[in-house]
Structures are given as structure tokens and as C-alpha cells.
Amino acid sequence: MWIWVMQSVPREILEDYKMRSMTLEFRRECTQSDILESMTSPSSKEIGASNHKCVSTESHLQYIHLLRLQENKTELVRARTEWHLKRNHN
């Protein structure tokens, strides 16, 4: 299921950031013949201070994901991912 969620993550995020966490909320099952839609959008929730240091929103990102049936838009999975800028990124 997580691979379907990841299909709609922007390529530059996959290249420049490392996923730190993923939370999945399963809502319904699907069958092998179902056609799914995978959608991703940036979360409006900012990540706050960590260890009393201000965390840049450019180095820490959150995304909200949705998997749903294409035919009737029934939600199958909601997910949230947190991303950190890769250390070797300039």
C-alpha cells in the first residue's frame, strides 16, 4: 500500500529528502481489479521547534496522502509523511 501512496510524491522531494516517518490510516479494502487514484499535497501544519532549536520548514516537510477508488472516489487510505532534507544535499 505504501508504494501506491508514494507514487504521487513530487520527484524533487524523493531526490532531495529522506522520509522520516509515515502514518497510515486504512479505511476500506480494495480488490485486484480496482483502479486507484493516488494524491499528495503539502501539509499546512508546520513542524515546530525541536530540542529548543528552530526547525526550518525547508529542511523538514510534511505531506498528506490519499488513496481512493477512481470509479466512485471512496477513500481507501489516508497517510501522513514527514521528510527531512538529506545531509549530503547542498
PDB file of N, CA and C in Angstrom:
ATOM      1  N   MET A   1       0.820  -1.189   0.000  1.00  0.00           N
ATOM      2  CA  MET A   1       0.000   0.000   0.000  1.00  0.00           C
ATOM      3  C   MET A   1       0.866   1.257   0.000  1.00  0.00           C
ATOM      4  N   TRP A   2       1.974   1.249   0.739  1.00  0.00           N
ATOM      5  CA  TRP A   2       2.799   2.462   0.820  1.00  0.00           C
ATOM      6  C   TRP A   2       3.390   2.835  -0.527  1.00  0.00           C
ATOM      7  N   ILE A   3       3.623   1.880  -1.399  1.00  0.00           N
ATOM      8  CA  ILE A   3       4.165   2.193  -2.732  1.00  0.00           C
ATOM      9  C   ILE A   3       3.143   2.999  -3.525  1.00  0.00           C
ATOM     10  N   TRP A   4       1.865   2.676  -3.416  1.00  0.00           N
ATOM     11  CA  TRP A   4       0.832   3.455  -4.105  1.00  0.00           C
ATOM     12  C   TRP A   4       0.783   4.878  -3.562  1.00  0.00           C
ATOM     13  N   VAL A   5       0.931   5.025  -2.257  1.00  0.00           N
ATOM     14  CA  VAL A   5       0.943   6.355  -1.648  1.00  0.00           C
ATOM     15  C   VAL A   5       2.115   7.166  -2.197  1.00  0.00           C
ATOM     16  N   MET A   6       3.272   6.556  -2.320  1.00  0.00           N
ATOM     17  CA  MET A   6       4.489   7.251  -2.734  1.00  0.00           C
ATOM     18  C   MET A   6       4.484   7.659  -4.209  1.00  0.00           C
ATOM     19  N   GLN A   7       3.621   7.078  -5.018  1.00  0.00           N
ATOM     20  CA  GLN A   7       3.615   7.379  -6.452  1.00  0.00           C
ATOM     21  C   GLN A   7       3.278   8.823  -6.772  1.00  0.00           C
ATOM     22  N   SER A   8       2.581   9.514  -5.885  1.00  0.00           N
ATOM     23  CA  SER A   8       2.202  10.894  -6.178  1.00  0.00           C
ATOM     24  C   SER A   8       3.081  11.930  -5.475  1.00  0.00           C
ATOM     25  N   VAL A   9       4.129  11.466  -4.793  1.00  0.00           N
ATOM     26  CA  VAL A   9       5.072  12.397  -4.159  1.00  0.00           C
ATOM     27  C   VAL A   9       5.918  13.042  -5.257  1.00  0.00           C
ATOM     28  N   PRO A  10       6.079  14.368  -5.223  1.00  0.00           N
ATOM     29  CA  PRO A  10       6.889  15.031  -6.258  1.00  0.00           C
ATOM     30  C   PRO A  10       8.308  14.458  -6.333  1.00  0.00           C
ATOM     31  N   ARG A  11       8.798  14.305  -7.540  1.00  0.00           N
ATOM     32  CA  ARG A  11      10.113  13.697  -7.773  1.00  0.00           C
ATOM     33  C   ARG A  11      11.232  14.411  -7.009  1.00  0.00           C
ATOM     34  N   GLU A  12      11.188  15.755  -6.968  1.00  0.00           N
ATOM     35  CA  GLU A  12      12.245  16.502  -6.281  1.00  0.00           C
ATOM     36  C   GLU A  12      12.260  16.214  -4.778  1.00  0.00           C
ATOM     37  N   ILE A  13      11.116  15.887  -4.209  1.00  0.00           N
ATOM     38  CA  ILE A  13      11.079  15.506  -2.795  1.00  0.00           C
ATOM     39  C   ILE A  13      11.767  14.156  -2.619  1.00  0.00           C
ATOM     40  N   LEU A  14      11.469  13.213  -3.488  1.00  0.00           N
ATOM     41  CA  LEU A  14      12.093  11.888  -3.409  1.00  0.00           C
ATOM     42  C   LEU A  14      13.609  11.968  -3.597  1.00  0.00           C
ATOM     43  N   GLU A  15      14.072  12.896  -4.419  1.00  0.00           N
ATOM     44  CA  GLU A  15      15.505  13.028  -4.691  1.00  0.00           C
ATOM     45  C   GLU A  15      16.246  13.775  -3.586  1.00  0.00           C
ATOM     46  N   ASP A  16      15.631  14.828  -3.036  1.00  0.00           N
ATOM     47  CA  ASP A  16      16.334  15.722  -2.105  1.00  0.00           C
ATOM     48  C   ASP A  16      16.043  15.460  -0.636  1.00  0.00           C
ATOM     49  N   TYR A  17      14.997  14.692  -0.342  1.00  0.00           N
ATOM     50  CA  TYR A  17      14.590  14.468   1.043  1.00  0.00           C
ATOM     51  C   TYR A  17      14.544  12.991   1.379  1.00  0.00           C
ATOM     52  N   LYS A  18      14.663  12.706   2.656  1.00  0.00           N
ATOM     53  CA  LYS A  18      14.583  11.348   3.175  1.00  0.00           C
ATOM     54  C   LYS A  18      13.322  11.260   4.038  1.00  0.00           C
ATOM     55  N   MET A  19      12.508  10.239   3.805  1.00  0.00           N
ATOM     56  CA  MET A  19      11.298  10.090   4.597  1.00  0.00           C
ATOM     57  C   MET A  19      11.674   9.673   6.016  1.00  0.00           C
ATOM     58  N   ARG A  20      11.165  10.418   6.982  1.00  0.00           N
ATOM     59  CA  ARG A  20      11.460  10.129   8.382  1.00  0.00           C
ATOM     60  C   ARG A  20      10.372   9.274   9.010  1.00  0.00           C
ATOM     61  N   SER A  21       9.116   9.517   8.609  1.00  0.00           N
ATOM     62  CA  SER A  21       8.024   8.733   9.176  1.00  0.00           C
ATOM     63  C   SER A  21       6.834   8.713   8.224  1.00  0.00           C
ATOM     64  N   MET A  22       6.011   7.670   8.402  1.00  0.00           N
ATOM     65  CA  MET A  22       4.773   7.541   7.639  1.00  0.00           C
ATOM     66  C   MET A  22       3.713   6.978   8.574  1.00  0.00           C
ATOM     67  N   THR A  23       2.560   7.630   8.583  1.00  0.00           N
ATOM     68  CA  THR A  23       1.420   7.157   9.350  1.00  0.00           C
ATOM     69  C   THR A  23       0.316   6.822   8.366  1.00  0.00           C
ATOM     70  N   LEU A  24      -0.183   5.589   8.450  1.00  0.00           N
ATOM     71  CA  LEU A  24      -1.236   5.130   7.543  1.00  0.00           C
ATOM     72  C   LEU A  24      -2.534   4.927   8.316  1.00  0.00           C
ATOM     73  N   GLU A  25      -3.630   5.338   7.709  1.00  0.00           N
ATOM     74  CA  GLU A  25      -4.956   5.116   8.272  1.00  0.00           C
ATOM     75  C   GLU A  25      -5.783   4.390   7.216  1.00  0.00           C
ATOM     76  N   PHE A  26      -5.989   3.098   7.449  1.00  0.00           N
ATOM     77  CA  PHE A  26      -6.743   2.283   6.492  1.00  0.00           C
ATOM     78  C   PHE A  26      -8.229   2.481   6.723  1.00  0.00           C
ATOM     79  N   ARG A  27      -8.978   2.729   5.627  1.00  0.00           N
ATOM     80  CA  ARG A  27     -10.414   2.988   5.742  1.00  0.00           C
ATOM     81  C   ARG A  27     -11.268   1.907   5.094  1.00  0.00           C
ATOM     82  N   ARG A  28     -10.813   1.379   3.962  1.00  0.00           N
ATOM     83  CA  ARG A  28     -11.571   0.357   3.234  1.00  0.00           C
ATOM     84  C   ARG A  28     -10.586  -0.562   2.502  1.00  0.00           C
ATOM     85  N   GLU A  29     -11.102  -1.707   2.083  1.00  0.00           N
ATOM     86  CA  GLU A  29     -10.312  -2.631   1.279  1.00  0.00           C
ATOM     87  C   GLU A  29     -10.597  -2.384  -0.194  1.00  0.00           C
ATOM     88  N   CYS A  30      -9.699  -2.883  -1.023  1.00  0.00           N
ATOM     89  CA  CYS A  30      -9.922  -2.827  -2.468  1.00  0.00           C
ATOM     90  C   CYS A  30      -9.626  -4.208  -3.043  1.00  0.00           C
ATOM     91  N   THR A  31      -9.999  -4.390  -4.308  1.00  0.00           N
ATOM     92  CA  THR A  31      -9.747  -5.661  -4.975  1.00  0.00           C
ATOM     93  C   THR A  31      -8.680  -5.466  -6.046  1.00  0.00           C
ATOM     94  N   GLN A  32      -8.187  -6.553  -6.547  1.00  0.00           N
ATOM     95  CA  GLN A  32      -7.128  -6.523  -7.552  1.00  0.00           C
ATOM     96  C   GLN A  32      -7.551  -5.779  -8.818  1.00  0.00           C
ATOM     97  N   SER A  33      -8.810  -5.796  -9.153  1.00  0.00           N
ATOM     98  CA  SER A  33      -9.286  -5.163 -10.387  1.00  0.00           C
ATOM     99  C   SER A  33      -9.614  -3.667 -10.219  1.00  0.00           C
ATOM    100  N   ASP A  34      -9.590  -3.155  -8.986  1.00  0.00           N
ATOM    101  CA  ASP A  34      -9.898  -1.738  -8.757  1.00  0.00           C
ATOM    102  C   ASP A  34      -8.804  -0.836  -9.315  1.00  0.00           C
ATOM    103  N   ILE A  35      -9.218   0.305  -9.839  1.00  0.00           N
ATOM    104  CA  ILE A  35      -8.283   1.329 -10.299  1.00  0.00           C
ATOM    105  C   ILE A  35      -8.257   2.417  -9.235  1.00  0.00           C
ATOM    106  N   LEU A  36      -7.034   2.738  -8.766  1.00  0.00           N
ATOM    107  CA  LEU A  36      -6.882   3.677  -7.670  1.00  0.00           C
ATOM    108  C   LEU A  36      -6.319   5.008  -8.136  1.00  0.00           C
ATOM    109  N   GLU A  37      -6.633   6.050  -7.389  1.00  0.00           N
ATOM    110  CA  GLU A  37      -6.026   7.361  -7.572  1.00  0.00           C
ATOM    111  C   GLU A  37      -5.153   7.623  -6.353  1.00  0.00           C
ATOM    112  N   SER A  38      -3.952   8.131  -6.589  1.00  0.00           N
ATOM    113  CA  SER A  38      -3.036   8.485  -5.516  1.00  0.00           C
ATOM    114  C   SER A  38      -2.798   9.983  -5.576  1.00  0.00           C
ATOM    115  N   MET A  39      -3.065  10.671  -4.456  1.00  0.00           N
ATOM    116  CA  MET A  39      -2.913  12.127  -4.427  1.00  0.00           C
ATOM    117  C   MET A  39      -2.056  12.529  -3.231  1.00  0.00           C
ATOM    118  N   THR A  40      -1.268  13.572  -3.424  1.00  0.00           N
ATOM    119  CA  THR A  40      -0.385  14.085  -2.385  1.00  0.00           C
ATOM    120  C   THR A  40      -0.475  15.598  -2.364  1.00  0.00           C
ATOM    121  N   SER A  41      -0.496  16.167  -1.158  1.00  0.00           N
ATOM    122  CA  SER A  41      -0.445  17.621  -1.033  1.00  0.00           C
ATOM    123  C   SER A  41       0.364  17.986   0.207  1.00  0.00           C
ATOM    124  N   PRO A  42       1.029  19.149   0.169  1.00  0.00           N
ATOM    125  CA  PRO A  42       1.791  19.581   1.348  1.00  0.00           C
ATOM    126  C   PRO A  42       0.840  19.804   2.517  1.00  0.00           C
ATOM    127  N   SER A  43       1.296  19.469   3.699  1.00  0.00           N
ATOM    128  CA  SER A  43       0.504  19.694   4.894  1.00  0.00           C
ATOM    129  C   SER A  43       0.632  21.149   5.312  1.00  0.00           C
ATOM    130  N   SER A  44      -0.441  21.727   5.784  1.00  0.00           N
ATOM    131  CA  SER A  44      -0.384  23.111   6.254  1.00  0.00           C
ATOM    132  C   SER A  44       0.177  23.189   7.670  1.00  0.00           C
ATOM    133  N   LYS A  45       0.318  22.037   8.332  1.00  0.00           N
ATOM    134  CA  LYS A  45       0.847  22.000   9.688  1.00  0.00           C
ATOM    135  C   LYS A  45       2.358  22.187   9.664  1.00  0.00           C
ATOM    136  N   GLU A  46       2.840  23.176  10.386  1.00  0.00           N
ATOM    137  CA  GLU A  46       4.286  23.395  10.463  1.00  0.00           C
ATOM    138  C   GLU A  46       4.876  22.502  11.530  1.00  0.00           C
ATOM    139  N   ILE A  47       6.098  22.088  11.311  1.00  0.00           N
ATOM    140  CA  ILE A  47       6.820  21.329  12.317  1.00  0.00           C
ATOM    141  C   ILE A  47       7.503  22.344  13.215  1.00  0.00           C
ATOM    142  N   GLY A  48       7.267  22.263  14.496  1.00  0.00           N
ATOM    143  CA  GLY A  48       7.754  23.269  15.443  1.00  0.00           C
ATOM    144  C   GLY A  48       9.188  23.071  15.848  1.00  0.00           C
ATOM    145  N   ALA A  49       9.531  23.667  16.964  1.00  0.00           N
ATOM    146  CA  ALA A  49      10.902  23.620  17.464  1.00  0.00           C
ATOM    147  C   ALA A  49      11.246  22.214  17.918  1.00  0.00           C
ATOM    148  N   SER A  50      12.479  21.848  17.745  1.00  0.00           N
ATOM    149  CA  SER A  50      12.974  20.543  18.151  1.00  0.00           C
ATOM    150  C   SER A  50      14.232  20.754  18.980  1.00  0.00           C
ATOM    151  N   ASN A  51      14.258  20.234  20.205  1.00  0.00           N
ATOM    152  CA  ASN A  51      15.399  20.419  21.106  1.00  0.00           C
ATOM    153  C   ASN A  51      15.744  21.893  21.278  1.00  0.00           C
ATOM    154  N   HIS A  52      14.721  22.727  21.382  1.00  0.00           N
ATOM    155  CA  HIS A  52      14.866  24.171  21.588  1.00  0.00           C
ATOM    156  C   HIS A  52      15.563  24.874  20.433  1.00  0.00           C
ATOM    157  N   LYS A  53      15.614  24.256  19.281  1.00  0.00           N
ATOM    158  CA  LYS A  53      16.174  24.894  18.088  1.00  0.00           C
ATOM    159  C   LYS A  53      15.040  25.095  17.095  1.00  0.00           C
ATOM    160  N   CYS A  54      15.070  26.193  16.398  1.00  0.00           N
ATOM    161  CA  CYS A  54      14.046  26.448  15.391  1.00  0.00           C
ATOM    162  C   CYS A  54      14.303  25.545  14.186  1.00  0.00           C
ATOM    163  N   VAL A  55      13.265  24.863  13.714  1.00  0.00           N
ATOM    164  CA  VAL A  55      13.405  23.946  12.578  1.00  0.00           C
ATOM    165  C   VAL A  55      12.900  24.649  11.326  1.00  0.00           C
ATOM    166  N   SER A  56      13.731  24.734  10.324  1.00  0.00           N
ATOM    167  CA  SER A  56      13.335  25.359   9.063  1.00  0.00           C
ATOM    168  C   SER A  56      12.314  24.490   8.358  1.00  0.00           C
ATOM    169  N   THR A  57      11.250  25.103   7.846  1.00  0.00           N
ATOM    170  CA  THR A  57      10.256  24.328   7.111  1.00  0.00           C
ATOM    171  C   THR A  57      10.805  23.867   5.768  1.00  0.00           C
ATOM    172  N   GLU A  58      11.927  24.448   5.311  1.00  0.00           N
ATOM    173  CA  GLU A  58      12.539  23.988   4.065  1.00  0.00           C
ATOM    174  C   GLU A  58      13.310  22.692   4.265  1.00  0.00           C
ATOM    175  N   SER A  59      13.785  22.429   5.474  1.00  0.00           N
ATOM    176  CA  SER A  59      14.544  21.209   5.714  1.00  0.00           C
ATOM    177  C   SER A  59      13.663  20.094   6.282  1.00  0.00           C
ATOM    178  N   HIS A  60      12.465  20.427   6.756  1.00  0.00           N
ATOM    179  CA  HIS A  60      11.515  19.458   7.285  1.00  0.00           C
ATOM    180  C   HIS A  60      10.161  19.712   6.633  1.00  0.00           C
ATOM    181  N   LEU A  61       9.635  18.709   5.965  1.00  0.00           N
ATOM    182  CA  LEU A  61       8.362  18.848   5.258  1.00  0.00           C
ATOM    183  C   LEU A  61       7.388  17.776   5.712  1.00  0.00           C
ATOM    184  N   GLN A  62       6.098  18.081   5.612  1.00  0.00           N
ATOM    185  CA  GLN A  62       5.060  17.085   5.841  1.00  0.00           C
ATOM    186  C   GLN A  62       4.111  17.083   4.651  1.00  0.00           C
ATOM    187  N   TYR A  63       3.657  15.879   4.292  1.00  0.00           N
ATOM    188  CA  TYR A  63       2.695  15.729   3.203  1.00  0.00           C
ATOM    189  C   TYR A  63       1.518  14.883   3.678  1.00  0.00           C
ATOM    190  N   ILE A  64       0.366  15.175   3.109  1.00  0.00           N
ATOM    191  CA  ILE A  64      -0.849  14.394   3.339  1.00  0.00           C
ATOM    192  C   ILE A  64      -1.128  13.626   2.050  1.00  0.00           C
ATOM    193  N   HIS A  65      -1.502  12.360   2.177  1.00  0.00           N
ATOM    194  CA  HIS A  65      -1.714  11.479   1.019  1.00  0.00           C
ATOM    195  C   HIS A  65      -3.103  10.855   1.099  1.00  0.00           C
ATOM    196  N   LEU A  66      -3.651  10.576  -0.058  1.00  0.00           N
ATOM    197  CA  LEU A  66      -4.959   9.941  -0.144  1.00  0.00           C
ATOM    198  C   LEU A  66      -4.947   8.926  -1.277  1.00  0.00           C
ATOM    199  N   LEU A  67      -5.385   7.721  -0.970  1.00  0.00           N
ATOM    200  CA  LEU A  67      -5.651   6.703  -1.988  1.00  0.00           C
ATOM    201  C   LEU A  67      -7.155   6.504  -2.020  1.00  0.00           C
ATOM    202  N   ARG A  68      -7.730   6.556  -3.224  1.00  0.00           N
ATOM    203  CA  ARG A  68      -9.174   6.359  -3.352  1.00  0.00           C
ATOM    204  C   ARG A  68      -9.474   5.607  -4.634  1.00  0.00           C
ATOM    205  N   LEU A  69     -10.670   5.038  -4.668  1.00  0.00           N
ATOM    206  CA  LEU A  69     -11.119   4.346  -5.875  1.00  0.00           C
ATOM    207  C   LEU A  69     -11.423   5.379  -6.944  1.00  0.00           C
ATOM    208  N   GLN A  70     -10.968   5.121  -8.155  1.00  0.00           N
ATOM    209  CA  GLN A  70     -11.204   6.064  -9.246  1.00  0.00           C
ATOM    210  C   GLN A  70     -12.691   6.140  -9.594  1.00  0.00           C
ATOM    211  N   GLU A  71     -13.355   5.017  -9.573  1.00  0.00           N
ATOM    212  CA  GLU A  71     -14.748   4.949 -10.026  1.00  0.00           C
ATOM    213  C   GLU A  71     -15.706   5.796  -9.183  1.00  0.00           C
ATOM    214  N   ASN A  72     -15.659   5.653  -7.859  1.00  0.00           N
ATOM    215  CA  ASN A  72     -16.647   6.345  -7.009  1.00  0.00           C
ATOM    216  C   ASN A  72     -16.007   7.239  -5.935  1.00  0.00           C
ATOM    217  N   LYS A  73     -14.696   7.410  -5.985  1.00  0.00           N
ATOM    218  CA  LYS A  73     -13.948   8.304  -5.072  1.00  0.00           C
ATOM    219  C   LYS A  73     -13.983   7.855  -3.615  1.00  0.00           C
ATOM    220  N   THR A  74     -14.278   6.587  -3.360  1.00  0.00           N
ATOM    221  CA  THR A  74     -14.269   6.058  -1.996  1.00  0.00           C
ATOM    222  C   THR A  74     -12.837   6.052  -1.467  1.00  0.00           C
ATOM    223  N   GLU A  75     -12.655   6.601  -0.274  1.00  0.00           N
ATOM    224  CA  GLU A  75     -11.324   6.642   0.337  1.00  0.00           C
ATOM    225  C   GLU A  75     -10.916   5.258   0.816  1.00  0.00           C
ATOM    226  N   LEU A  76      -9.682   4.884   0.491  1.00  0.00           N
ATOM    227  CA  LEU A  76      -9.130   3.614   0.955  1.00  0.00           C
ATOM    228  C   LEU A  76      -8.107   3.826   2.053  1.00  0.00           C
ATOM    229  N   VAL A  77      -7.208   4.791   1.846  1.00  0.00           N
ATOM    230  CA  VAL A  77      -6.126   5.045   2.798  1.00  0.00           C
ATOM    231  C   VAL A  77      -5.855   6.536   2.855  1.00  0.00           C
ATOM    232  N   ARG A  78      -5.663   7.042   4.056  1.00  0.00           N
ATOM    233  CA  ARG A  78      -5.112   8.382   4.275  1.00  0.00           C
ATOM    234  C   ARG A  78      -3.759   8.170   4.929  1.00  0.00           C
ATOM    235  N   ALA A  79      -2.814   9.023   4.576  1.00  0.00           N
ATOM    236  CA  ALA A  79      -1.468   8.877   5.137  1.00  0.00           C
ATOM    237  C   ALA A  79      -0.858  10.250   5.379  1.00  0.00           C
ATOM    238  N   ARG A  80       0.127  10.281   6.269  1.00  0.00           N
ATOM    239  CA  ARG A  80       0.913  11.490   6.515  1.00  0.00           C
ATOM    240  C   ARG A  80       2.374  11.082   6.516  1.00  0.00           C
ATOM    241  N   THR A  81       3.202  11.831   5.794  1.00  0.00           N
ATOM    242  CA  THR A  81       4.632  11.558   5.784  1.00  0.00           C
ATOM    243  C   THR A  81       5.392  12.794   6.251  1.00  0.00           C
ATOM    244  N   GLU A  82       6.526  12.552   6.871  1.00  0.00           N
ATOM    245  CA  GLU A  82       7.429  13.616   7.303  1.00  0.00           C
ATOM    246  C   GLU A  82       8.772  13.382   6.615  1.00  0.00           C
ATOM    247  N   TRP A  83       9.330  14.453   6.071  1.00  0.00           N
ATOM    248  CA  TRP A  83      10.551  14.382   5.267  1.00  0.00           C
ATOM    249  C   TRP A  83      11.609  15.335   5.817  1.00  0.00           C
ATOM    250  N   HIS A  84      12.858  14.884   5.797  1.00  0.00           N
ATOM    251  CA  HIS A  84      13.995  15.726   6.205  1.00  0.00           C
ATOM    252  C   HIS A  84      14.959  15.829   5.031  1.00  0.00           C
ATOM    253  N   LEU A  85      15.522  17.007   4.871  1.00  0.00           N
ATOM    254  CA  LEU A  85      16.494  17.244   3.815  1.00  0.00           C
ATOM    255  C   LEU A  85      17.678  16.300   3.998  1.00  0.00           C
ATOM    256  N   LYS A  86      18.130  15.665   2.919  1.00  0.00           N
ATOM    257  CA  LYS A  86      19.274  14.755   3.006  1.00  0.00           C
ATOM    258  C   LYS A  86      20.508  15.543   3.415  1.00  0.00           C
ATOM    259  N   ARG A  87      21.339  14.938   4.240  1.00  0.00           N
ATOM    260  CA  ARG A  87      22.541  15.610   4.757  1.00  0.00           C
ATOM    261  C   ARG A  87      23.524  16.007   3.668  1.00  0.00           C
ATOM    262  N   ASN A  88      23.637  15.205   2.636  1.00  0.00           N
ATOM    263  CA  ASN A  88      24.610  15.495   1.580  1.00  0.00           C
ATOM    264  C   ASN A  88      24.079  16.477   0.542  1.00  0.00           C
ATOM    265  N   HIS A  89      22.862  17.019   0.790  1.00  0.00           N
ATOM    266  CA  HIS A  89      22.253  17.961  -0.143  1.00  0.00           C
ATOM    267  C   HIS A  89      22.847  19.346   0.055  1.00  0.00           C
ATOM    268  N   ASN A  90      23.223  20.025  -1.044  1.00  0.00           N
ATOM    269  CA  ASN A  90      23.803  21.365  -0.940  1.00  0.00           C
ATOM    270  C   ASN A  90      22.770  22.412  -1.201  1.00  0.00           C
TER     271      ASN A  90
END
